[in-house]
Every structure is written in C-alpha cells, then in structure tokens.
N, C-alpha and C. Protein backbone atom coordinates (compact mmCIF):
# COMPACT_ATOMS: atom_id res chain seq x y z
N MET A 1 85.67 22.40 -43.48
CA MET A 1 85.21 23.20 -42.29
C MET A 1 84.16 24.28 -42.90
N ALA A 2 83.49 24.26 -44.06
CA ALA A 2 82.41 25.16 -44.37
C ALA A 2 81.48 25.19 -43.41
N GLY A 3 81.05 24.11 -42.81
CA GLY A 3 80.06 23.94 -42.09
C GLY A 3 80.13 25.20 -40.88
N PRO A 4 81.18 25.15 -40.02
CA PRO A 4 81.07 26.25 -39.14
C PRO A 4 81.30 27.47 -39.43
N LYS A 5 81.67 27.48 -40.40
CA LYS A 5 81.90 28.99 -40.91
C LYS A 5 80.37 29.54 -41.46
N ARG A 6 79.90 28.68 -42.15
CA ARG A 6 78.55 28.85 -42.57
C ARG A 6 77.56 29.52 -41.46
N ALA A 7 77.72 28.57 -40.41
CA ALA A 7 76.74 28.79 -39.05
C ALA A 7 77.09 29.91 -38.22
N CYS A 8 78.52 30.36 -38.46
CA CYS A 8 78.59 31.66 -37.84
C CYS A 8 78.38 32.80 -38.75
N ASP A 9 78.36 32.69 -40.34
CA ASP A 9 77.68 33.48 -40.99
C ASP A 9 76.43 33.86 -40.75
N ARG A 10 75.70 32.68 -40.28
CA ARG A 10 74.42 32.94 -40.11
C ARG A 10 73.95 33.55 -38.92
N ASN A 11 74.72 33.15 -37.90
CA ASN A 11 74.31 33.79 -36.68
C ASN A 11 74.63 35.35 -36.97
N SER A 12 75.82 35.66 -37.31
CA SER A 12 75.88 37.23 -37.50
C SER A 12 75.04 37.98 -38.19
N ALA A 13 74.59 37.29 -39.26
CA ALA A 13 73.39 37.81 -39.95
C ALA A 13 72.01 38.05 -39.31
N ILE A 14 71.67 37.10 -38.53
CA ILE A 14 70.67 36.66 -37.54
C ILE A 14 70.92 38.12 -36.58
N LEU A 15 72.22 38.13 -35.79
CA LEU A 15 72.38 39.25 -35.34
C LEU A 15 72.27 40.72 -35.75
N ARG A 16 72.91 40.94 -37.04
CA ARG A 16 72.79 42.01 -37.59
C ARG A 16 71.09 42.53 -38.02
N ALA A 17 70.31 41.62 -38.52
CA ALA A 17 69.10 41.68 -38.64
C ALA A 17 68.29 42.19 -37.62
N ARG A 18 68.71 41.43 -36.21
CA ARG A 18 67.94 42.29 -35.07
C ARG A 18 68.34 43.48 -34.61
N ALA A 19 69.37 44.01 -35.29
CA ALA A 19 70.10 45.25 -34.72
C ALA A 19 69.26 46.11 -35.64
N LEU A 20 69.07 45.89 -36.94
CA LEU A 20 68.51 46.73 -37.89
C LEU A 20 66.97 46.79 -37.64
N ARG A 21 66.44 45.77 -36.78
CA ARG A 21 64.87 45.95 -36.64
C ARG A 21 64.71 47.15 -35.19
N ARG A 22 65.83 47.18 -34.50
CA ARG A 22 65.82 48.26 -33.48
C ARG A 22 65.73 49.57 -33.86
N SER A 23 66.29 49.50 -35.08
CA SER A 23 66.98 50.86 -35.87
C SER A 23 66.24 51.35 -37.27
N LEU A 24 64.95 50.76 -37.23
CA LEU A 24 63.97 51.40 -38.63
C LEU A 24 64.07 52.74 -38.95
N SER A 25 64.19 52.95 -40.16
CA SER A 25 63.81 54.44 -40.37
C SER A 25 62.51 54.96 -40.48
N PRO A 26 62.19 55.93 -40.26
CA PRO A 26 60.70 56.53 -40.07
C PRO A 26 59.88 55.81 -41.18
N PRO A 27 60.25 55.71 -42.33
CA PRO A 27 59.61 55.39 -43.64
C PRO A 27 59.49 53.89 -43.29
N GLU A 28 60.30 52.93 -42.93
CA GLU A 28 60.36 51.51 -42.66
C GLU A 28 59.56 51.20 -41.63
N ALA A 29 59.40 52.20 -40.39
CA ALA A 29 58.59 51.87 -39.00
C ALA A 29 57.23 52.05 -39.47
N TYR A 30 57.01 53.08 -40.32
CA TYR A 30 55.71 53.34 -40.46
C TYR A 30 54.97 52.25 -41.74
N LEU A 31 55.64 51.59 -42.65
CA LEU A 31 55.46 50.64 -43.57
C LEU A 31 55.09 49.32 -42.47
N TRP A 32 56.01 49.32 -41.54
CA TRP A 32 56.00 48.10 -40.73
C TRP A 32 54.74 48.09 -39.87
N GLN A 33 54.45 49.11 -39.43
CA GLN A 33 53.32 49.09 -38.67
C GLN A 33 51.89 48.44 -39.29
N ILE A 34 51.62 48.77 -40.60
CA ILE A 34 50.90 48.12 -41.31
C ILE A 34 51.03 46.67 -41.84
N LEU A 35 52.40 46.32 -42.12
CA LEU A 35 52.75 45.03 -42.87
C LEU A 35 52.50 43.88 -41.70
N ARG A 36 53.08 44.50 -40.46
CA ARG A 36 52.85 43.56 -39.19
C ARG A 36 51.22 43.29 -38.92
N THR A 37 50.49 43.71 -39.56
CA THR A 37 48.94 43.21 -39.08
C THR A 37 48.47 42.29 -40.45
N ARG A 38 49.09 41.84 -41.01
CA ARG A 38 49.03 40.77 -42.06
C ARG A 38 48.11 41.35 -43.12
N PRO A 39 48.22 42.28 -43.78
CA PRO A 39 47.10 42.82 -44.89
C PRO A 39 46.89 41.30 -45.97
N GLY A 40 45.61 41.55 -46.27
CA GLY A 40 45.67 40.31 -47.47
C GLY A 40 45.80 39.01 -46.80
N GLY A 41 45.87 39.02 -45.58
CA GLY A 41 45.98 37.23 -44.73
C GLY A 41 47.48 37.33 -45.03
N LEU A 42 48.48 38.13 -45.33
CA LEU A 42 49.94 37.52 -45.70
C LEU A 42 50.76 37.85 -44.66
N LYS A 43 51.59 37.01 -44.25
CA LYS A 43 52.95 37.34 -43.35
C LYS A 43 53.93 37.94 -43.86
N PHE A 44 54.39 38.94 -43.22
CA PHE A 44 55.61 39.60 -43.54
C PHE A 44 56.52 39.90 -42.43
N ARG A 45 57.78 39.55 -43.01
CA ARG A 45 58.99 39.60 -42.09
C ARG A 45 59.71 41.12 -42.06
N CYS A 46 60.39 41.32 -40.84
CA CYS A 46 61.02 42.73 -40.97
C CYS A 46 62.31 42.59 -40.91
N GLN A 47 63.48 42.98 -41.86
CA GLN A 47 64.71 42.98 -41.80
C GLN A 47 64.95 41.42 -41.65
N HIS A 48 64.74 40.74 -42.91
CA HIS A 48 64.80 39.34 -42.94
C HIS A 48 66.23 39.11 -43.52
N PRO A 49 66.80 38.18 -42.89
CA PRO A 49 68.48 38.08 -43.10
C PRO A 49 68.37 37.10 -44.21
N PHE A 50 69.40 37.19 -45.39
CA PHE A 50 69.39 36.22 -46.66
C PHE A 50 70.94 35.77 -46.45
N ASP A 51 71.59 34.87 -47.00
CA ASP A 51 72.96 34.62 -47.04
C ASP A 51 73.72 35.98 -47.36
N ARG A 52 73.49 36.77 -48.10
CA ARG A 52 74.47 37.81 -48.68
C ARG A 52 74.04 39.33 -48.22
N CYS A 53 72.74 39.36 -47.88
CA CYS A 53 71.95 40.61 -47.61
C CYS A 53 70.84 40.73 -46.38
N THR A 54 70.53 41.61 -46.03
CA THR A 54 69.44 41.55 -45.17
C THR A 54 68.00 42.63 -45.84
N ALA A 55 67.00 41.96 -45.87
CA ALA A 55 65.83 42.76 -46.75
C ALA A 55 65.17 43.46 -45.91
N ASP A 56 64.73 44.67 -46.37
CA ASP A 56 63.93 45.44 -45.22
C ASP A 56 62.50 44.40 -44.99
N PHE A 57 61.91 44.26 -45.97
CA PHE A 57 60.62 43.14 -45.63
C PHE A 57 60.75 42.12 -46.57
N TYR A 58 59.99 41.10 -46.20
CA TYR A 58 59.92 39.92 -46.88
C TYR A 58 58.69 39.08 -46.64
N CYS A 59 58.00 38.73 -47.75
CA CYS A 59 56.97 37.87 -47.92
C CYS A 59 57.12 36.39 -48.23
N ALA A 60 57.26 35.43 -47.50
CA ALA A 60 57.84 33.99 -47.91
C ALA A 60 57.07 33.29 -48.68
N ALA A 61 55.41 33.67 -48.57
CA ALA A 61 54.50 33.02 -49.31
C ALA A 61 54.47 33.52 -50.94
N ALA A 62 54.68 34.75 -51.12
CA ALA A 62 54.86 35.16 -52.22
C ALA A 62 56.39 35.17 -52.65
N LYS A 63 57.38 34.85 -52.17
CA LYS A 63 58.96 34.83 -52.33
C LYS A 63 59.16 36.54 -52.96
N LEU A 64 58.46 37.56 -52.01
CA LEU A 64 58.98 38.93 -52.40
C LEU A 64 59.64 39.66 -51.59
N VAL A 65 60.69 40.50 -51.74
CA VAL A 65 61.64 41.19 -51.14
C VAL A 65 60.76 42.52 -51.28
N ILE A 66 60.94 43.38 -50.32
CA ILE A 66 60.52 44.85 -50.44
C ILE A 66 61.46 45.55 -49.62
N GLU A 67 61.80 46.50 -50.46
CA GLU A 67 63.16 47.67 -49.94
C GLU A 67 62.41 48.84 -50.01
N VAL A 68 62.80 49.69 -48.93
CA VAL A 68 62.44 51.09 -49.02
C VAL A 68 63.59 52.14 -49.04
N ASP A 69 63.85 52.64 -50.18
CA ASP A 69 65.03 53.35 -50.41
C ASP A 69 64.96 54.85 -50.02
N GLY A 70 65.82 55.30 -49.31
CA GLY A 70 65.98 56.54 -48.81
C GLY A 70 67.09 57.52 -49.59
N ILE A 71 67.26 58.51 -49.45
CA ILE A 71 68.18 59.25 -50.33
C ILE A 71 69.68 58.69 -50.52
N ARG A 72 70.19 57.93 -49.52
CA ARG A 72 71.45 57.49 -49.73
C ARG A 72 71.69 56.40 -50.70
N HIS A 73 70.53 55.81 -50.88
CA HIS A 73 70.63 54.85 -52.07
C HIS A 73 70.76 55.39 -53.50
N ASP A 74 70.90 56.79 -53.53
CA ASP A 74 71.17 57.28 -54.84
C ASP A 74 72.63 57.87 -54.76
N MET A 75 73.22 57.68 -53.61
CA MET A 75 74.42 58.32 -53.28
C MET A 75 75.52 57.14 -53.84
N GLY A 76 76.92 57.83 -54.19
CA GLY A 76 78.01 56.86 -54.39
C GLY A 76 77.68 55.86 -55.21
N ASP A 77 78.45 54.50 -54.73
CA ASP A 77 78.30 53.57 -55.57
C ASP A 77 76.99 52.61 -54.98
N ASN A 78 75.96 53.36 -54.08
CA ASN A 78 74.99 52.49 -53.57
C ASN A 78 73.91 52.17 -54.78
N PRO A 79 73.54 52.73 -55.93
CA PRO A 79 72.90 52.04 -56.93
C PRO A 79 73.43 50.97 -57.43
N ALA A 80 74.75 50.92 -57.53
CA ALA A 80 75.19 49.49 -58.19
C ALA A 80 75.16 48.40 -57.29
N ARG A 81 75.34 48.72 -56.02
CA ARG A 81 75.32 47.88 -54.91
C ARG A 81 73.89 47.01 -54.77
N ASP A 82 72.91 48.07 -54.98
CA ASP A 82 71.54 47.80 -54.88
C ASP A 82 71.03 46.69 -56.25
N LEU A 83 71.60 47.30 -57.29
CA LEU A 83 71.61 46.66 -58.47
C LEU A 83 71.93 44.94 -58.31
N ARG A 84 73.26 44.88 -57.61
CA ARG A 84 73.90 43.81 -57.61
C ARG A 84 73.03 42.86 -56.58
N ARG A 85 72.60 43.34 -55.44
CA ARG A 85 71.74 42.76 -54.55
C ARG A 85 70.42 42.39 -55.20
N ASP A 86 69.80 43.05 -55.89
CA ASP A 86 68.61 42.49 -56.50
C ASP A 86 69.05 41.55 -57.48
N ILE A 87 70.12 41.40 -58.36
CA ILE A 87 70.27 40.50 -59.23
C ILE A 87 70.65 39.04 -58.60
N TRP A 88 71.17 39.13 -57.41
CA TRP A 88 71.40 37.91 -56.49
C TRP A 88 70.15 37.32 -55.85
N LEU A 89 69.22 38.23 -55.35
CA LEU A 89 68.16 37.98 -55.03
C LEU A 89 67.14 37.22 -56.03
N ARG A 90 67.01 37.86 -57.15
CA ARG A 90 66.40 37.22 -58.29
C ARG A 90 66.98 35.97 -58.78
N GLY A 91 68.27 35.76 -58.58
CA GLY A 91 68.90 34.42 -58.70
C GLY A 91 68.62 33.31 -57.71
N GLN A 92 68.00 33.75 -56.40
CA GLN A 92 67.46 32.85 -55.72
C GLN A 92 66.07 32.64 -55.70
N GLY A 93 65.34 33.21 -56.91
CA GLY A 93 63.84 32.86 -56.95
C GLY A 93 63.03 33.70 -56.31
N LEU A 94 63.74 35.18 -56.22
CA LEU A 94 62.62 36.21 -55.16
C LEU A 94 62.49 37.31 -56.30
N ARG A 95 61.59 37.67 -55.90
CA ARG A 95 60.98 39.36 -56.97
C ARG A 95 61.46 40.32 -55.74
N VAL A 96 61.41 41.35 -56.36
CA VAL A 96 62.22 42.50 -55.47
C VAL A 96 61.34 43.62 -56.11
N LEU A 97 60.62 44.33 -54.78
CA LEU A 97 59.84 45.68 -55.20
C LEU A 97 60.52 46.56 -54.21
N ARG A 98 61.13 47.89 -55.14
CA ARG A 98 61.47 49.07 -54.35
C ARG A 98 60.68 50.03 -54.18
N PHE A 99 60.51 50.91 -52.99
CA PHE A 99 59.83 51.93 -52.77
C PHE A 99 60.50 53.02 -52.27
N ASN A 100 60.31 54.20 -53.10
CA ASN A 100 61.26 55.54 -52.31
C ASN A 100 60.58 55.80 -51.14
N ALA A 101 61.18 56.17 -50.19
CA ALA A 101 61.02 56.55 -48.77
C ALA A 101 59.79 57.62 -48.53
N CYS A 102 59.96 58.42 -49.42
CA CYS A 102 59.33 59.54 -49.68
C CYS A 102 57.78 59.17 -50.02
N ASP A 103 57.69 58.16 -50.89
CA ASP A 103 56.45 57.78 -51.42
C ASP A 103 55.63 57.05 -50.36
N VAL A 104 56.38 56.14 -49.52
CA VAL A 104 55.84 55.42 -48.09
C VAL A 104 55.38 56.65 -47.59
N MET A 105 56.05 57.75 -47.07
CA MET A 105 55.43 58.57 -46.30
C MET A 105 54.28 59.26 -46.76
N LYS A 106 54.25 59.75 -47.82
CA LYS A 106 53.21 60.39 -48.50
C LYS A 106 51.64 59.82 -48.98
N ASP A 107 51.95 58.35 -49.37
CA ASP A 107 51.11 57.54 -50.07
C ASP A 107 51.05 55.99 -49.53
N VAL A 108 50.91 55.72 -48.22
CA VAL A 108 51.31 54.15 -47.90
C VAL A 108 50.15 53.47 -48.42
N GLU A 109 49.07 54.05 -48.48
CA GLU A 109 47.84 53.07 -49.00
C GLU A 109 48.22 52.65 -50.65
N SER A 110 48.82 53.46 -51.46
CA SER A 110 49.42 52.98 -52.73
C SER A 110 50.15 52.16 -52.68
N VAL A 111 51.34 52.27 -51.38
CA VAL A 111 52.41 51.31 -51.38
C VAL A 111 51.63 49.83 -51.03
N ILE A 112 51.08 49.81 -50.14
CA ILE A 112 50.41 48.48 -49.70
C ILE A 112 49.76 48.21 -50.92
N THR A 113 48.86 48.75 -51.37
CA THR A 113 48.37 47.96 -52.61
C THR A 113 49.02 47.44 -53.67
N ALA A 114 50.30 48.08 -54.13
CA ALA A 114 51.18 47.78 -54.76
C ALA A 114 51.85 46.52 -54.33
N ILE A 115 52.20 46.28 -53.23
CA ILE A 115 52.55 45.23 -52.36
C ILE A 115 51.62 44.05 -52.57
N LEU A 116 50.38 44.15 -52.32
CA LEU A 116 49.25 43.22 -52.36
C LEU A 116 49.23 42.73 -53.63
N VAL A 117 49.43 43.45 -54.70
CA VAL A 117 48.97 42.98 -56.03
C VAL A 117 50.09 42.28 -56.62
N ALA A 118 51.41 42.57 -56.21
CA ALA A 118 52.56 42.01 -56.53
C ALA A 118 52.70 40.45 -55.96
N CYS A 119 52.13 40.62 -54.65
CA CYS A 119 52.11 39.18 -53.60
C CYS A 119 50.98 38.13 -54.36
N GLY A 120 49.82 38.83 -55.05
CA GLY A 120 48.90 37.83 -55.48
C GLY A 120 49.10 37.54 -56.75
N ARG A 121 50.19 38.05 -57.34
CA ARG A 121 50.57 37.38 -58.81
C ARG A 121 51.02 36.16 -58.59
N HIS A 122 51.96 36.12 -57.37
CA HIS A 122 52.85 34.88 -57.27
C HIS A 122 52.36 33.80 -56.45
N LEU A 123 51.04 34.08 -55.84
CA LEU A 123 50.46 33.13 -54.96
C LEU A 123 49.54 32.07 -55.85
N PRO A 124 49.64 30.88 -55.40
CA PRO A 124 48.46 29.73 -56.11
C PRO A 124 47.31 30.41 -56.33
N LEU A 125 46.68 29.79 -57.35
CA LEU A 125 45.21 30.30 -57.77
C LEU A 125 44.16 29.75 -56.88
N HIS A 126 44.58 28.79 -56.27
CA HIS A 126 43.43 28.04 -55.45
C HIS A 126 44.13 27.99 -53.77
N GLN A 127 44.85 28.80 -53.44
CA GLN A 127 45.31 28.79 -52.09
C GLN A 127 44.04 28.78 -51.03
N ALA A 128 44.41 27.90 -50.35
CA ALA A 128 43.11 27.74 -49.26
C ALA A 128 43.15 29.00 -48.14
N PRO A 129 41.95 29.54 -47.86
CA PRO A 129 42.29 30.71 -46.56
C PRO A 129 42.94 30.03 -45.41
N PRO A 130 43.48 30.70 -44.69
CA PRO A 130 43.92 30.09 -43.27
C PRO A 130 42.78 29.72 -42.37
N GLY A 131 42.78 28.70 -41.83
CA GLY A 131 42.02 28.59 -40.99
C GLY A 131 41.18 27.11 -40.93
N PRO A 132 40.18 26.77 -40.34
CA PRO A 132 39.32 25.30 -40.58
C PRO A 132 38.53 25.64 -41.80
N PRO A 133 37.91 24.62 -42.63
CA PRO A 133 37.52 24.83 -43.62
C PRO A 133 35.92 25.03 -43.60
N PRO A 134 35.33 25.69 -44.62
CA PRO A 134 33.79 26.28 -43.98
C PRO A 134 32.89 25.21 -44.00
N HIS A 135 31.96 25.30 -43.11
CA HIS A 135 30.87 24.41 -42.97
C HIS A 135 29.88 24.39 -43.93
N ASP A 136 29.35 23.66 -44.49
CA ASP A 136 28.10 23.74 -45.54
C ASP A 136 26.96 23.47 -44.93
N GLY A 137 26.47 23.39 -43.58
CA GLY A 137 25.44 23.47 -43.14
C GLY A 137 25.05 21.84 -43.16
N VAL A 138 25.58 20.75 -43.73
CA VAL A 138 25.28 19.42 -43.89
C VAL A 138 25.37 18.73 -42.36
N GLY A 139 24.36 18.08 -41.92
CA GLY A 139 24.46 17.21 -40.66
C GLY A 139 24.34 18.12 -39.46
N ARG A 140 23.36 19.28 -39.70
CA ARG A 140 23.41 20.15 -38.56
C ARG A 140 22.06 20.20 -38.16
N ASP A 141 21.73 20.58 -37.02
CA ASP A 141 20.29 20.47 -36.77
C ASP A 141 19.59 21.41 -36.84
C-alpha cells in the first residue's frame, strides 16, 4: 500500500506549494519577479515541492535549490532544521544556495549574479542554446 500513500503525500505537497506561492514574503516575491523572466535563459520554479520539503526556488537544469532566509530561520531549532533539509537535498544530488532576505532586498543584482554563476558551474559546457540552430548562409539566395 505504499503507492496510494505516496500519491497522497505528493498531492498534499503540491497543494502546500500552491498555497506557499500565494503567500510569498516580500523578498521572495521580489526575487521571483526577476527569476520568472528566465535570466541567463534558465527556467526557475517557485515553491517547488520535493518529497520532504518545498524549495523557495528551483532550477532543474542546474539542479540548484535557492532559499531566501528571513529572520525566523535564525530562531529556535530552525537553523538545525535548515541544515537537515540541506543535507537531504544534497543527498538527492542537488545544490543549495541560501540568501539572507535583507540581501535580496538591498542588492538583488548581486543575488541574481551569484545564482547565475552557480547555475553556470553545473550546466554542460556545450549546452545548445534554446531554439532552432543558427543558419550559416549556405544554400541561400
């Protein structure tokens, strides 16, 4: 009976992610307005559900999880919880970048640059750009 329970867990994760998308914090919303324009030609997902957690942002092509941490991430057992999540995500073959919410609001350009550099380190060297191949002019009038 593991199959039906897994499907139920997946459905609840998707519903939770949808709810989180509707209630982004101001720094998350600010960063999402830029990431949704596909900087560097990369597609990012907002509030992407994984088996055990939901990532603030995710770039599948680069296997990169991006987290925006507000002050609550420093309180109570949250730092230990974040560490456990990061370890689990890395165990899934993903990399994790964490940014302080204040840094996103103060210098989003630097945050975007850091994200694109991290993505570039993981993409194939000879990744073809999206779209049709370029024409070399051969066979044209």
